[in-house]
Amino acid sequence: MNMSTAVIRCLRKYADFSGTAVRSEFWWFYLFNVLVTVLLYFSPDVINFIGLAALLVPSLSSASRRLHDTGRSGWWQLLILVPFIGSLVLIVFLVQKSKFASIDA
């Protein structure tokens, strides 16, 4: 899966917290979020806020689908609230292979 396919798929599933997302889909969309965030950093505050707010729900839904693909609930994203260790554990969960028969790229 390439970046454009992953971004389009994640934006089409804007608020779909069910189903699964393969690793490549999640990480390409994550890279897209990082690039947009860097570009928005140099824009006025209002545009920055609107852009980041628009990407919040698809980011949460893609991470939730990725966690589903590893056999976990999307609620595991709350680990991000635990300083340092929570982020590391969540990253480990997000990089693991699929627990299902989907093609894991």
PDB file of N, CA and C in Angstrom:
ATOM      1  N   MET A   1       0.852  -1.170   0.000  1.00  0.00           N
ATOM      2  CA  MET A   1       0.000   0.000   0.000  1.00  0.00           C
ATOM      3  C   MET A   1       0.898   1.233   0.000  1.00  0.00           C
ATOM      4  N   ASN A   2       0.543   2.204  -0.838  1.00  0.00           N
ATOM      5  CA  ASN A   2       1.333   3.431  -0.883  1.00  0.00           C
ATOM      6  C   ASN A   2       0.682   4.518  -0.026  1.00  0.00           C
ATOM      7  N   MET A   3       1.359   5.650   0.082  1.00  0.00           N
ATOM      8  CA  MET A   3       0.902   6.711   0.974  1.00  0.00           C
ATOM      9  C   MET A   3      -0.451   7.278   0.556  1.00  0.00           C
ATOM     10  N   SER A   4      -0.628   7.543  -0.722  1.00  0.00           N
ATOM     11  CA  SER A   4      -1.882   8.153  -1.159  1.00  0.00           C
ATOM     12  C   SER A   4      -3.073   7.225  -0.914  1.00  0.00           C
ATOM     13  N   THR A   5      -2.909   5.937  -1.149  1.00  0.00           N
ATOM     14  CA  THR A   5      -3.974   4.976  -0.896  1.00  0.00           C
ATOM     15  C   THR A   5      -4.325   4.930   0.587  1.00  0.00           C
ATOM     16  N   ALA A   6      -3.296   4.919   1.432  1.00  0.00           N
ATOM     17  CA  ALA A   6      -3.523   4.866   2.875  1.00  0.00           C
ATOM     18  C   ALA A   6      -4.235   6.114   3.378  1.00  0.00           C
ATOM     19  N   VAL A   7      -3.818   7.278   2.901  1.00  0.00           N
ATOM     20  CA  VAL A   7      -4.434   8.535   3.340  1.00  0.00           C
ATOM     21  C   VAL A   7      -5.883   8.602   2.887  1.00  0.00           C
ATOM     22  N   ILE A   8      -6.139   8.242   1.646  1.00  0.00           N
ATOM     23  CA  ILE A   8      -7.518   8.256   1.136  1.00  0.00           C
ATOM     24  C   ILE A   8      -8.390   7.282   1.920  1.00  0.00           C
ATOM     25  N   ARG A   9      -7.877   6.089   2.182  1.00  0.00           N
ATOM     26  CA  ARG A   9      -8.652   5.093   2.922  1.00  0.00           C
ATOM     27  C   ARG A   9      -8.953   5.573   4.346  1.00  0.00           C
ATOM     28  N   CYS A  10      -7.969   6.160   5.005  1.00  0.00           N
ATOM     29  CA  CYS A  10      -8.188   6.633   6.380  1.00  0.00           C
ATOM     30  C   CYS A  10      -9.140   7.821   6.416  1.00  0.00           C
ATOM     31  N   LEU A  11      -9.059   8.698   5.439  1.00  0.00           N
ATOM     32  CA  LEU A  11      -9.968   9.840   5.423  1.00  0.00           C
ATOM     33  C   LEU A  11     -11.388   9.425   5.043  1.00  0.00           C
ATOM     34  N   ARG A  12     -11.536   8.400   4.219  1.00  0.00           N
ATOM     35  CA  ARG A  12     -12.878   7.893   3.895  1.00  0.00           C
ATOM     36  C   ARG A  12     -13.515   7.219   5.103  1.00  0.00           C
ATOM     37  N   LYS A  13     -12.695   6.584   5.909  1.00  0.00           N
ATOM     38  CA  LYS A  13     -13.187   5.950   7.141  1.00  0.00           C
ATOM     39  C   LYS A  13     -13.004   6.922   8.305  1.00  0.00           C
ATOM     40  N   TYR A  14     -13.396   8.154   8.077  1.00  0.00           N
ATOM     41  CA  TYR A  14     -13.148   9.274   8.996  1.00  0.00           C
ATOM     42  C   TYR A  14     -13.450   8.930  10.447  1.00  0.00           C
ATOM     43  N   ALA A  15     -14.631   8.410  10.716  1.00  0.00           N
ATOM     44  CA  ALA A  15     -15.026   8.121  12.096  1.00  0.00           C
ATOM     45  C   ALA A  15     -15.430   6.664  12.262  1.00  0.00           C
ATOM     46  N   ASP A  16     -14.832   5.781  11.469  1.00  0.00           N
ATOM     47  CA  ASP A  16     -15.133   4.352  11.553  1.00  0.00           C
ATOM     48  C   ASP A  16     -14.136   3.692  12.503  1.00  0.00           C
ATOM     49  N   PHE A  17     -14.605   3.400  13.703  1.00  0.00           N
ATOM     50  CA  PHE A  17     -13.737   2.811  14.714  1.00  0.00           C
ATOM     51  C   PHE A  17     -13.810   1.288  14.721  1.00  0.00           C
ATOM     52  N   SER A  18     -14.528   0.705  13.757  1.00  0.00           N
ATOM     53  CA  SER A  18     -14.627  -0.747  13.681  1.00  0.00           C
ATOM     54  C   SER A  18     -13.790  -1.238  12.505  1.00  0.00           C
ATOM     55  N   GLY A  19     -13.502  -2.512  12.509  1.00  0.00           N
ATOM     56  CA  GLY A  19     -12.691  -3.077  11.444  1.00  0.00           C
ATOM     57  C   GLY A  19     -11.214  -3.067  11.802  1.00  0.00           C
ATOM     58  N   THR A  20     -10.396  -3.276  10.787  1.00  0.00           N
ATOM     59  CA  THR A  20      -8.953  -3.354  11.016  1.00  0.00           C
ATOM     60  C   THR A  20      -8.204  -2.465  10.023  1.00  0.00           C
ATOM     61  N   ALA A  21      -6.957  -2.187  10.350  1.00  0.00           N
ATOM     62  CA  ALA A  21      -6.059  -1.444   9.469  1.00  0.00           C
ATOM     63  C   ALA A  21      -4.697  -2.127   9.495  1.00  0.00           C
ATOM     64  N   VAL A  22      -4.179  -2.446   8.339  1.00  0.00           N
ATOM     65  CA  VAL A  22      -2.860  -3.086   8.282  1.00  0.00           C
ATOM     66  C   VAL A  22      -1.790  -2.080   8.665  1.00  0.00           C
ATOM     67  N   ARG A  23      -0.617  -2.590   8.972  1.00  0.00           N
ATOM     68  CA  ARG A  23       0.466  -1.717   9.431  1.00  0.00           C
ATOM     69  C   ARG A  23       0.784  -0.602   8.449  1.00  0.00           C
ATOM     70  N   SER A  24       0.897  -0.948   7.169  1.00  0.00           N
ATOM     71  CA  SER A  24       1.285   0.073   6.191  1.00  0.00           C
ATOM     72  C   SER A  24       0.246   1.191   6.113  1.00  0.00           C
ATOM     73  N   GLU A  25      -1.023   0.838   6.189  1.00  0.00           N
ATOM     74  CA  GLU A  25      -2.065   1.866   6.157  1.00  0.00           C
ATOM     75  C   GLU A  25      -1.916   2.814   7.334  1.00  0.00           C
ATOM     76  N   PHE A  26      -1.754   2.277   8.523  1.00  0.00           N
ATOM     77  CA  PHE A  26      -1.629   3.120   9.711  1.00  0.00           C
ATOM     78  C   PHE A  26      -0.388   3.996   9.664  1.00  0.00           C
ATOM     79  N   TRP A  27       0.764   3.416   9.343  1.00  0.00           N
ATOM     80  CA  TRP A  27       2.009   4.176   9.418  1.00  0.00           C
ATOM     81  C   TRP A  27       2.132   5.200   8.290  1.00  0.00           C
ATOM     82  N   TRP A  28       1.593   4.909   7.094  1.00  0.00           N
ATOM     83  CA  TRP A  28       1.580   5.931   6.049  1.00  0.00           C
ATOM     84  C   TRP A  28       0.692   7.102   6.467  1.00  0.00           C
ATOM     85  N   PHE A  29      -0.457   6.816   7.082  1.00  0.00           N
ATOM     86  CA  PHE A  29      -1.330   7.890   7.538  1.00  0.00           C
ATOM     87  C   PHE A  29      -0.671   8.658   8.685  1.00  0.00           C
ATOM     88  N   TYR A  30       0.047   7.968   9.528  1.00  0.00           N
ATOM     89  CA  TYR A  30       0.779   8.639  10.617  1.00  0.00           C
ATOM     90  C   TYR A  30       1.832   9.592  10.043  1.00  0.00           C
ATOM     91  N   LEU A  31       2.569   9.141   9.026  1.00  0.00           N
ATOM     92  CA  LEU A  31       3.557  10.016   8.377  1.00  0.00           C
ATOM     93  C   LEU A  31       2.877  11.229   7.758  1.00  0.00           C
ATOM     94  N   PHE A  32       1.733  11.019   7.118  1.00  0.00           N
ATOM     95  CA  PHE A  32       0.960  12.127   6.565  1.00  0.00           C
ATOM     96  C   PHE A  32       0.590  13.124   7.667  1.00  0.00           C
ATOM     97  N   ASN A  33       0.156  12.628   8.817  1.00  0.00           N
ATOM     98  CA  ASN A  33      -0.182  13.511   9.939  1.00  0.00           C
ATOM     99  C   ASN A  33       1.026  14.316  10.401  1.00  0.00           C
ATOM    100  N   VAL A  34       2.171  13.687  10.470  1.00  0.00           N
ATOM    101  CA  VAL A  34       3.388  14.394  10.885  1.00  0.00           C
ATOM    102  C   VAL A  34       3.730  15.499   9.879  1.00  0.00           C
ATOM    103  N   LEU A  35       3.669  15.181   8.593  1.00  0.00           N
ATOM    104  CA  LEU A  35       3.980  16.185   7.568  1.00  0.00           C
ATOM    105  C   LEU A  35       2.997  17.346   7.601  1.00  0.00           C
ATOM    106  N   VAL A  36       1.708  17.062   7.754  1.00  0.00           N
ATOM    107  CA  VAL A  36       0.698  18.124   7.838  1.00  0.00           C
ATOM    108  C   VAL A  36       0.930  18.962   9.083  1.00  0.00           C
ATOM    109  N   THR A  37       1.247  18.336  10.192  1.00  0.00           N
ATOM    110  CA  THR A  37       1.505  19.069  11.431  1.00  0.00           C
ATOM    111  C   THR A  37       2.689  20.013  11.275  1.00  0.00           C
ATOM    112  N   VAL A  38       3.745  19.553  10.631  1.00  0.00           N
ATOM    113  CA  VAL A  38       4.915  20.412  10.405  1.00  0.00           C
ATOM    114  C   VAL A  38       4.549  21.592   9.506  1.00  0.00           C
ATOM    115  N   LEU A  39       3.785  21.328   8.449  1.00  0.00           N
ATOM    116  CA  LEU A  39       3.372  22.416   7.561  1.00  0.00           C
ATOM    117  C   LEU A  39       2.445  23.400   8.266  1.00  0.00           C
ATOM    118  N   LEU A  40       1.544  22.899   9.092  1.00  0.00           N
ATOM    119  CA  LEU A  40       0.613  23.772   9.803  1.00  0.00           C
ATOM    120  C   LEU A  40       1.300  24.593  10.887  1.00  0.00           C
ATOM    121  N   TYR A  41       2.439  24.131  11.345  1.00  0.00           N
ATOM    122  CA  TYR A  41       3.192  24.861  12.365  1.00  0.00           C
ATOM    123  C   TYR A  41       3.542  26.270  11.890  1.00  0.00           C
ATOM    124  N   PHE A  42       3.768  26.405  10.597  1.00  0.00           N
ATOM    125  CA  PHE A  42       4.171  27.690  10.036  1.00  0.00           C
ATOM    126  C   PHE A  42       2.985  28.534   9.580  1.00  0.00           C
ATOM    127  N   SER A  43       1.772  28.075   9.821  1.00  0.00           N
ATOM    128  CA  SER A  43       0.576  28.809   9.416  1.00  0.00           C
ATOM    129  C   SER A  43       0.017  29.582  10.619  1.00  0.00           C
ATOM    130  N   PRO A  44      -0.910  30.501  10.363  1.00  0.00           N
ATOM    131  CA  PRO A  44      -1.527  31.231  11.479  1.00  0.00           C
ATOM    132  C   PRO A  44      -2.228  30.284  12.462  1.00  0.00           C
ATOM    133  N   ASP A  45      -2.374  30.720  13.696  1.00  0.00           N
ATOM    134  CA  ASP A  45      -2.905  29.863  14.761  1.00  0.00           C
ATOM    135  C   ASP A  45      -4.280  29.293  14.448  1.00  0.00           C
ATOM    136  N   VAL A  46      -5.157  30.075  13.866  1.00  0.00           N
ATOM    137  CA  VAL A  46      -6.515  29.596  13.580  1.00  0.00           C
ATOM    138  C   VAL A  46      -6.476  28.462  12.563  1.00  0.00           C
ATOM    139  N   ILE A  47      -5.699  28.620  11.512  1.00  0.00           N
ATOM    140  CA  ILE A  47      -5.580  27.573  10.489  1.00  0.00           C
ATOM    141  C   ILE A  47      -4.921  26.336  11.090  1.00  0.00           C
ATOM    142  N   ASN A  48      -3.925  26.544  11.924  1.00  0.00           N
ATOM    143  CA  ASN A  48      -3.242  25.444  12.600  1.00  0.00           C
ATOM    144  C   ASN A  48      -4.240  24.646  13.436  1.00  0.00           C
ATOM    145  N   PHE A  49      -5.048  25.330  14.220  1.00  0.00           N
ATOM    146  CA  PHE A  49      -6.028  24.663  15.076  1.00  0.00           C
ATOM    147  C   PHE A  49      -7.055  23.890  14.258  1.00  0.00           C
ATOM    148  N   ILE A  50      -7.576  24.504  13.218  1.00  0.00           N
ATOM    149  CA  ILE A  50      -8.591  23.852  12.385  1.00  0.00           C
ATOM    150  C   ILE A  50      -8.010  22.610  11.707  1.00  0.00           C
ATOM    151  N   GLY A  51      -6.806  22.718  11.180  1.00  0.00           N
ATOM    152  CA  GLY A  51      -6.174  21.579  10.514  1.00  0.00           C
ATOM    153  C   GLY A  51      -5.915  20.419  11.452  1.00  0.00           C
ATOM    154  N   LEU A  52      -5.393  20.731  12.641  1.00  0.00           N
ATOM    155  CA  LEU A  52      -5.114  19.664  13.604  1.00  0.00           C
ATOM    156  C   LEU A  52      -6.401  19.048  14.144  1.00  0.00           C
ATOM    157  N   ALA A  53      -7.419  19.873  14.350  1.00  0.00           N
ATOM    158  CA  ALA A  53      -8.706  19.349  14.822  1.00  0.00           C
ATOM    159  C   ALA A  53      -9.340  18.449  13.766  1.00  0.00           C
ATOM    160  N   ALA A  54      -9.172  18.786  12.496  1.00  0.00           N
ATOM    161  CA  ALA A  54      -9.750  17.977  11.418  1.00  0.00           C
ATOM    162  C   ALA A  54      -9.078  16.609  11.321  1.00  0.00           C
ATOM    163  N   LEU A  55      -7.825  16.508  11.721  1.00  0.00           N
ATOM    164  CA  LEU A  55      -7.113  15.229  11.646  1.00  0.00           C
ATOM    165  C   LEU A  55      -7.202  14.405  12.924  1.00  0.00           C
ATOM    166  N   LEU A  56      -7.788  14.956  13.972  1.00  0.00           N
ATOM    167  CA  LEU A  56      -7.843  14.249  15.251  1.00  0.00           C
ATOM    168  C   LEU A  56      -8.686  12.975  15.169  1.00  0.00           C
ATOM    169  N   VAL A  57      -9.910  13.076  14.674  1.00  0.00           N
ATOM    170  CA  VAL A  57     -10.800  11.909  14.634  1.00  0.00           C
ATOM    171  C   VAL A  57     -10.262  10.818  13.699  1.00  0.00           C
ATOM    172  N   PRO A  58      -9.809  11.153  12.469  1.00  0.00           N
ATOM    173  CA  PRO A  58      -9.270  10.069  11.646  1.00  0.00           C
ATOM    174  C   PRO A  58      -8.010   9.431  12.238  1.00  0.00           C
ATOM    175  N   SER A  59      -7.231  10.193  12.978  1.00  0.00           N
ATOM    176  CA  SER A  59      -6.046   9.627  13.627  1.00  0.00           C
ATOM    177  C   SER A  59      -6.446   8.635  14.706  1.00  0.00           C
ATOM    178  N   LEU A  60      -7.432   9.002  15.506  1.00  0.00           N
ATOM    179  CA  LEU A  60      -7.911   8.099  16.554  1.00  0.00           C
ATOM    180  C   LEU A  60      -8.565   6.854  15.959  1.00  0.00           C
ATOM    181  N   SER A  61      -9.335   7.036  14.889  1.00  0.00           N
ATOM    182  CA  SER A  61     -10.013   5.877  14.295  1.00  0.00           C
ATOM    183  C   SER A  61      -9.026   4.935  13.615  1.00  0.00           C
ATOM    184  N   SER A  62      -8.000   5.473  12.950  1.00  0.00           N
ATOM    185  CA  SER A  62      -7.017   4.588  12.306  1.00  0.00           C
ATOM    186  C   SER A  62      -6.201   3.829  13.356  1.00  0.00           C
ATOM    187  N   ALA A  63      -5.863   4.491  14.456  1.00  0.00           N
ATOM    188  CA  ALA A  63      -5.146   3.799  15.528  1.00  0.00           C
ATOM    189  C   ALA A  63      -6.026   2.732  16.166  1.00  0.00           C
ATOM    190  N   SER A  64      -7.307   3.025  16.309  1.00  0.00           N
ATOM    191  CA  SER A  64      -8.233   2.043  16.867  1.00  0.00           C
ATOM    192  C   SER A  64      -8.331   0.820  15.956  1.00  0.00           C
ATOM    193  N   ARG A  65      -8.451   1.050  14.645  1.00  0.00           N
ATOM    194  CA  ARG A  65      -8.505  -0.075  13.703  1.00  0.00           C
ATOM    195  C   ARG A  65      -7.189  -0.856  13.704  1.00  0.00           C
ATOM    196  N   ARG A  66      -6.067  -0.159  13.853  1.00  0.00           N
ATOM    197  CA  ARG A  66      -4.760  -0.844  13.912  1.00  0.00           C
ATOM    198  C   ARG A  66      -4.676  -1.723  15.146  1.00  0.00           C
ATOM    199  N   LEU A  67      -5.150  -1.212  16.283  1.00  0.00           N
ATOM    200  CA  LEU A  67      -5.146  -2.014  17.502  1.00  0.00           C
ATOM    201  C   LEU A  67      -6.082  -3.215  17.364  1.00  0.00           C
ATOM    202  N   HIS A  68      -7.210  -3.034  16.689  1.00  0.00           N
ATOM    203  CA  HIS A  68      -8.105  -4.171  16.432  1.00  0.00           C
ATOM    204  C   HIS A  68      -7.385  -5.237  15.623  1.00  0.00           C
ATOM    205  N   ASP A  69      -6.548  -4.811  14.678  1.00  0.00           N
ATOM    206  CA  ASP A  69      -5.811  -5.751  13.831  1.00  0.00           C
ATOM    207  C   ASP A  69      -4.805  -6.564  14.638  1.00  0.00           C
ATOM    208  N   THR A  70      -4.355  -6.026  15.758  1.00  0.00           N
ATOM    209  CA  THR A  70      -3.423  -6.759  16.618  1.00  0.00           C
ATOM    210  C   THR A  70      -4.148  -7.536  17.711  1.00  0.00           C
ATOM    211  N   GLY A  71      -5.492  -7.531  17.655  1.00  0.00           N
ATOM    212  CA  GLY A  71      -6.271  -8.291  18.623  1.00  0.00           C
ATOM    213  C   GLY A  71      -6.563  -7.535  19.904  1.00  0.00           C
ATOM    214  N   ARG A  72      -6.466  -6.220  19.885  1.00  0.00           N
ATOM    215  CA  ARG A  72      -6.710  -5.411  21.079  1.00  0.00           C
ATOM    216  C   ARG A  72      -7.858  -4.439  20.839  1.00  0.00           C
ATOM    217  N   SER A  73      -8.371  -3.919  21.921  1.00  0.00           N
ATOM    218  CA  SER A  73      -9.421  -2.909  21.852  1.00  0.00           C
ATOM    219  C   SER A  73      -8.809  -1.545  21.522  1.00  0.00           C
ATOM    220  N   GLY A  74      -9.590  -0.699  20.888  1.00  0.00           N
ATOM    221  CA  GLY A  74      -9.139   0.660  20.601  1.00  0.00           C
ATOM    222  C   GLY A  74      -8.929   1.488  21.850  1.00  0.00           C
ATOM    223  N   TRP A  75      -9.516   1.052  22.950  1.00  0.00           N
ATOM    224  CA  TRP A  75      -9.358   1.779  24.214  1.00  0.00           C
ATOM    225  C   TRP A  75      -7.913   1.763  24.715  1.00  0.00           C
ATOM    226  N   TRP A  76      -7.085   0.880  24.174  1.00  0.00           N
ATOM    227  CA  TRP A  76      -5.679   0.844  24.566  1.00  0.00           C
ATOM    228  C   TRP A  76      -4.965   2.154  24.217  1.00  0.00           C
ATOM    229  N   GLN A  77      -5.575   2.982  23.363  1.00  0.00           N
ATOM    230  CA  GLN A  77      -4.984   4.282  23.045  1.00  0.00           C
ATOM    231  C   GLN A  77      -4.864   5.169  24.273  1.00  0.00           C
ATOM    232  N   LEU A  78      -5.646   4.886  25.288  1.00  0.00           N
ATOM    233  CA  LEU A  78      -5.572   5.672  26.519  1.00  0.00           C
ATOM    234  C   LEU A  78      -4.233   5.511  27.230  1.00  0.00           C
ATOM    235  N   LEU A  79      -3.437   4.529  26.809  1.00  0.00           N
ATOM    236  CA  LEU A  79      -2.093   4.380  27.377  1.00  0.00           C
ATOM    237  C   LEU A  79      -1.247   5.630  27.155  1.00  0.00           C
ATOM    238  N   ILE A  80      -1.598   6.411  26.156  1.00  0.00           N
ATOM    239  CA  ILE A  80      -0.844   7.626  25.857  1.00  0.00           C
ATOM    240  C   ILE A  80      -0.886   8.595  27.045  1.00  0.00           C
ATOM    241  N   LEU A  81      -1.876   8.429  27.915  1.00  0.00           N
ATOM    242  CA  LEU A  81      -2.007   9.301  29.086  1.00  0.00           C
ATOM    243  C   LEU A  81      -1.018   8.951  30.190  1.00  0.00           C
ATOM    244  N   VAL A  82      -0.420   7.758  30.123  1.00  0.00           N
ATOM    245  CA  VAL A  82       0.600   7.361  31.091  1.00  0.00           C
ATOM    246  C   VAL A  82       1.935   7.905  30.594  1.00  0.00           C
ATOM    247  N   PRO A  83       2.571   8.774  31.370  1.00  0.00           N
ATOM    248  CA  PRO A  83       3.811   9.397  30.894  1.00  0.00           C
ATOM    249  C   PRO A  83       4.881   8.367  30.491  1.00  0.00           C
ATOM    250  N   PHE A  84       5.514   8.612  29.360  1.00  0.00           N
ATOM    251  CA  PHE A  84       6.637   7.877  28.800  1.00  0.00           C
ATOM    252  C   PHE A  84       6.353   6.396  28.550  1.00  0.00           C
ATOM    253  N   ILE A  85       6.118   5.613  29.595  1.00  0.00           N
ATOM    254  CA  ILE A  85       5.954   4.169  29.441  1.00  0.00           C
ATOM    255  C   ILE A  85       4.712   3.842  28.623  1.00  0.00           C
ATOM    256  N   GLY A  86       3.640   4.592  28.817  1.00  0.00           N
ATOM    257  CA  GLY A  86       2.418   4.350  28.060  1.00  0.00           C
ATOM    258  C   GLY A  86       2.638   4.505  26.567  1.00  0.00           C
ATOM    259  N   SER A  87       3.390   5.531  26.174  1.00  0.00           N
ATOM    260  CA  SER A  87       3.687   5.750  24.758  1.00  0.00           C
ATOM    261  C   SER A  87       4.513   4.604  24.178  1.00  0.00           C
ATOM    262  N   LEU A  88       5.489   4.143  24.925  1.00  0.00           N
ATOM    263  CA  LEU A  88       6.332   3.043  24.449  1.00  0.00           C
ATOM    264  C   LEU A  88       5.525   1.760  24.271  1.00  0.00           C
ATOM    265  N   VAL A  89       4.675   1.448  25.233  1.00  0.00           N
ATOM    266  CA  VAL A  89       3.846   0.243  25.141  1.00  0.00           C
ATOM    267  C   VAL A  89       2.900   0.354  23.953  1.00  0.00           C
ATOM    268  N   LEU A  90       2.301   1.528  23.760  1.00  0.00           N
ATOM    269  CA  LEU A  90       1.383   1.722  22.635  1.00  0.00           C
ATOM    270  C   LEU A  90       2.098   1.556  21.301  1.00  0.00           C
ATOM    271  N   ILE A  91       3.309   2.073  21.179  1.00  0.00           N
ATOM    272  CA  ILE A  91       4.081   1.907  19.944  1.00  0.00           C
ATOM    273  C   ILE A  91       4.368   0.430  19.689  1.00  0.00           C
ATOM    274  N   VAL A  92       4.707  -0.303  20.731  1.00  0.00           N
ATOM    275  CA  VAL A  92       4.954  -1.738  20.581  1.00  0.00           C
ATOM    276  C   VAL A  92       3.694  -2.428  20.067  1.00  0.00           C
ATOM    277  N   PHE A  93       2.539  -2.069  20.611  1.00  0.00           N
ATOM    278  CA  PHE A  93       1.272  -2.651  20.145  1.00  0.00           C
ATOM    279  C   PHE A  93       1.022  -2.315  18.681  1.00  0.00           C
ATOM    280  N   LEU A  94       1.304  -1.078  18.292  1.00  0.00           N
ATOM    281  CA  LEU A  94       1.000  -0.626  16.933  1.00  0.00           C
ATOM    282  C   LEU A  94       1.922  -1.230  15.868  1.00  0.00           C
ATOM    283  N   VAL A  95       3.109  -1.652  16.231  1.00  0.00           N
ATOM    284  CA  VAL A  95       4.036  -2.214  15.237  1.00  0.00           C
ATOM    285  C   VAL A  95       3.946  -3.733  15.120  1.00  0.00           C
ATOM    286  N   GLN A  96       3.150  -4.363  15.959  1.00  0.00           N
ATOM    287  CA  GLN A  96       3.049  -5.820  15.920  1.00  0.00           C
ATOM    288  C   GLN A  96       2.316  -6.296  14.669  1.00  0.00           C
ATOM    289  N   LYS A  97       2.582  -7.553  14.326  1.00  0.00           N
ATOM    290  CA  LYS A  97       1.908  -8.171  13.172  1.00  0.00           C
ATOM    291  C   LYS A  97       0.432  -8.391  13.473  1.00  0.00           C
ATOM    292  N   SER A  98      -0.304  -8.588  12.408  1.00  0.00           N
ATOM    293  CA  SER A  98      -1.735  -8.823  12.508  1.00  0.00           C
ATOM    294  C   SER A  98      -2.020 -10.166  13.183  1.00  0.00           C
ATOM    295  N   LYS A  99      -3.094 -10.226  13.923  1.00  0.00           N
ATOM    296  CA  LYS A  99      -3.556 -11.482  14.526  1.00  0.00           C
ATOM    297  C   LYS A  99      -4.534 -12.199  13.611  1.00  0.00           C
ATOM    298  N   PHE A 100      -4.864 -11.562  12.484  1.00  0.00           N
ATOM    299  CA  PHE A 100      -5.855 -12.103  11.569  1.00  0.00           C
ATOM    300  C   PHE A 100      -5.191 -12.511  10.265  1.00  0.00           C
ATOM    301  N   ALA A 101      -5.977 -13.031   9.355  1.00  0.00           N
ATOM    302  CA  ALA A 101      -5.452 -13.557   8.099  1.00  0.00           C
ATOM    303  C   ALA A 101      -5.278 -12.474   7.043  1.00  0.00           C
ATOM    304  N   SER A 102      -5.436 -11.198   7.399  1.00  0.00           N
ATOM    305  CA  SER A 102      -5.276 -10.146   6.412  1.00  0.00           C
ATOM    306  C   SER A 102      -3.813 -10.053   5.956  1.00  0.00           C
ATOM    307  N   ILE A 103      -3.628  -9.473   4.814  1.00  0.00           N
ATOM    308  CA  ILE A 103      -2.269  -9.267   4.318  1.00  0.00           C
ATOM    309  C   ILE A 103      -1.650  -8.143   5.113  1.00  0.00           C
ATOM    310  N   ASP A 104      -0.598  -8.427   5.833  1.00  0.00           N
ATOM    311  CA  ASP A 104       0.042  -7.434   6.687  1.00  0.00           C
ATOM    312  C   ASP A 104       1.299  -6.931   6.000  1.00  0.00           C
ATOM    313  N   ALA A 105       1.213  -5.718   5.475  1.00  0.00           N
ATOM    314  CA  ALA A 105       2.340  -5.146   4.748  1.00  0.00           C
ATOM    315  C   ALA A 105       3.161  -4.258   5.619  1.00  0.00           C
TER     316      ALA A 105
END
